[in-house]
Amino acid sequence: MPVLAKVVGDEARGKFWKKLAGRINQEINRRLWAQKKGVYLDSLYEYIP
């Protein structure tokens, strides 16, 4: 989206989308990265059969 916004000349909207993408990236890493295992988790909850 930031690239498309820039192409059509909407710099403000491009900055918005770029900032939002950065925040989403940070939250995915914060919530789903398992440092001890060195992998991303596919769930925030443990599987309980």
N, C-alpha and C. Protein backbone atom coordinates (compact mmCIF):
# COMPACT_ATOMS: atom_id res chain seq x y z
N MET A 1 0.80 -1.19 0.00
CA MET A 1 0.00 0.00 0.00
C MET A 1 0.85 1.27 0.00
N PRO A 2 1.97 1.31 0.72
CA PRO A 2 2.76 2.54 0.69
C PRO A 2 3.26 2.87 -0.72
N VAL A 3 3.61 1.85 -1.46
CA VAL A 3 4.12 2.06 -2.82
C VAL A 3 3.01 2.60 -3.70
N LEU A 4 1.82 2.01 -3.61
CA LEU A 4 0.69 2.48 -4.41
C LEU A 4 0.33 3.93 -4.08
N ALA A 5 0.33 4.24 -2.80
CA ALA A 5 0.01 5.61 -2.39
C ALA A 5 1.02 6.58 -2.96
N LYS A 6 2.28 6.19 -2.95
CA LYS A 6 3.32 7.06 -3.50
C LYS A 6 3.16 7.23 -5.00
N VAL A 7 2.81 6.16 -5.70
CA VAL A 7 2.62 6.21 -7.15
C VAL A 7 1.53 7.22 -7.52
N VAL A 8 0.45 7.23 -6.74
CA VAL A 8 -0.65 8.15 -7.05
C VAL A 8 -0.45 9.52 -6.41
N GLY A 9 0.69 9.72 -5.78
CA GLY A 9 1.02 11.03 -5.24
C GLY A 9 0.46 11.35 -3.87
N ASP A 10 0.05 10.35 -3.12
CA ASP A 10 -0.50 10.58 -1.78
C ASP A 10 0.55 10.19 -0.74
N GLU A 11 1.49 11.08 -0.54
CA GLU A 11 2.61 10.83 0.38
C GLU A 11 2.14 10.58 1.81
N ALA A 12 1.15 11.34 2.25
CA ALA A 12 0.66 11.20 3.64
C ALA A 12 0.09 9.81 3.86
N ARG A 13 -0.70 9.34 2.91
CA ARG A 13 -1.28 8.00 3.07
C ARG A 13 -0.19 6.93 2.97
N GLY A 14 0.79 7.15 2.14
CA GLY A 14 1.92 6.22 2.06
C GLY A 14 2.66 6.11 3.38
N LYS A 15 2.88 7.23 4.03
CA LYS A 15 3.54 7.22 5.34
C LYS A 15 2.70 6.49 6.38
N PHE A 16 1.37 6.72 6.31
CA PHE A 16 0.46 6.04 7.23
C PHE A 16 0.58 4.52 7.09
N TRP A 17 0.51 4.02 5.85
CA TRP A 17 0.56 2.58 5.63
C TRP A 17 1.91 1.99 6.01
N LYS A 18 2.97 2.74 5.75
CA LYS A 18 4.30 2.26 6.11
C LYS A 18 4.44 2.15 7.63
N LYS A 19 3.93 3.16 8.34
CA LYS A 19 3.98 3.15 9.81
C LYS A 19 3.13 2.00 10.36
N LEU A 20 1.95 1.80 9.80
CA LEU A 20 1.09 0.71 10.25
C LEU A 20 1.74 -0.65 10.01
N ALA A 21 2.37 -0.82 8.86
CA ALA A 21 3.06 -2.09 8.57
C ALA A 21 4.17 -2.35 9.59
N GLY A 22 4.89 -1.31 9.96
CA GLY A 22 5.94 -1.45 10.97
C GLY A 22 5.39 -1.87 12.32
N ARG A 23 4.26 -1.28 12.71
CA ARG A 23 3.65 -1.64 13.99
C ARG A 23 3.15 -3.08 13.97
N ILE A 24 2.56 -3.50 12.88
CA ILE A 24 2.09 -4.88 12.76
C ILE A 24 3.27 -5.84 12.84
N ASN A 25 4.35 -5.50 12.15
CA ASN A 25 5.55 -6.33 12.18
C ASN A 25 6.08 -6.47 13.60
N GLN A 26 6.14 -5.38 14.34
CA GLN A 26 6.63 -5.41 15.72
C GLN A 26 5.74 -6.28 16.60
N GLU A 27 4.44 -6.17 16.45
CA GLU A 27 3.52 -6.96 17.27
C GLU A 27 3.59 -8.45 16.94
N ILE A 28 3.73 -8.78 15.66
CA ILE A 28 3.88 -10.19 15.29
C ILE A 28 5.13 -10.74 15.94
N ASN A 29 6.22 -10.01 15.85
CA ASN A 29 7.46 -10.47 16.48
C ASN A 29 7.34 -10.56 17.99
N ARG A 30 6.73 -9.58 18.60
CA ARG A 30 6.59 -9.56 20.07
C ARG A 30 5.73 -10.72 20.56
N ARG A 31 4.66 -10.99 19.85
CA ARG A 31 3.71 -11.99 20.33
C ARG A 31 4.02 -13.41 19.89
N LEU A 32 4.61 -13.58 18.73
CA LEU A 32 4.73 -14.93 18.17
C LEU A 32 6.15 -15.48 18.07
N TRP A 33 7.18 -14.66 18.28
CA TRP A 33 8.54 -15.17 18.20
C TRP A 33 8.91 -15.86 19.51
N ALA A 34 9.31 -17.14 19.41
CA ALA A 34 9.74 -17.92 20.57
C ALA A 34 11.27 -17.95 20.57
N GLN A 35 11.87 -17.06 21.33
CA GLN A 35 13.33 -16.91 21.34
C GLN A 35 14.04 -18.21 21.68
N LYS A 36 13.58 -18.92 22.72
CA LYS A 36 14.25 -20.15 23.14
C LYS A 36 14.24 -21.22 22.06
N LYS A 37 13.15 -21.27 21.29
CA LYS A 37 13.03 -22.27 20.23
C LYS A 37 13.58 -21.77 18.90
N GLY A 38 13.68 -20.47 18.76
CA GLY A 38 14.19 -19.89 17.53
C GLY A 38 13.21 -20.01 16.36
N VAL A 39 11.92 -19.98 16.67
CA VAL A 39 10.90 -20.12 15.63
C VAL A 39 9.72 -19.20 15.97
N TYR A 40 8.87 -19.00 14.95
CA TYR A 40 7.61 -18.31 15.19
C TYR A 40 6.58 -19.33 15.62
N LEU A 41 5.78 -18.99 16.60
CA LEU A 41 4.69 -19.84 17.04
C LEU A 41 3.50 -19.65 16.10
N ASP A 42 2.69 -20.68 15.93
CA ASP A 42 1.51 -20.55 15.09
C ASP A 42 0.26 -20.30 15.92
N SER A 43 0.45 -20.16 17.24
CA SER A 43 -0.68 -19.90 18.13
C SER A 43 -0.16 -19.28 19.41
N LEU A 44 -0.99 -18.50 20.04
CA LEU A 44 -0.62 -17.93 21.34
C LEU A 44 -1.00 -18.86 22.48
N TYR A 45 -1.72 -19.92 22.16
CA TYR A 45 -2.25 -20.84 23.17
C TYR A 45 -1.67 -22.22 22.96
N GLU A 46 -1.46 -22.94 24.05
CA GLU A 46 -0.99 -24.31 23.95
C GLU A 46 -2.15 -25.21 23.52
N TYR A 47 -1.80 -26.24 22.78
CA TYR A 47 -2.82 -27.18 22.30
C TYR A 47 -3.29 -28.04 23.46
N ILE A 48 -4.58 -28.07 23.68
CA ILE A 48 -5.18 -28.91 24.71
C ILE A 48 -6.20 -29.80 24.03
N PRO A 49 -5.91 -31.10 23.93
CA PRO A 49 -6.85 -31.99 23.22
C PRO A 49 -8.17 -32.17 23.95
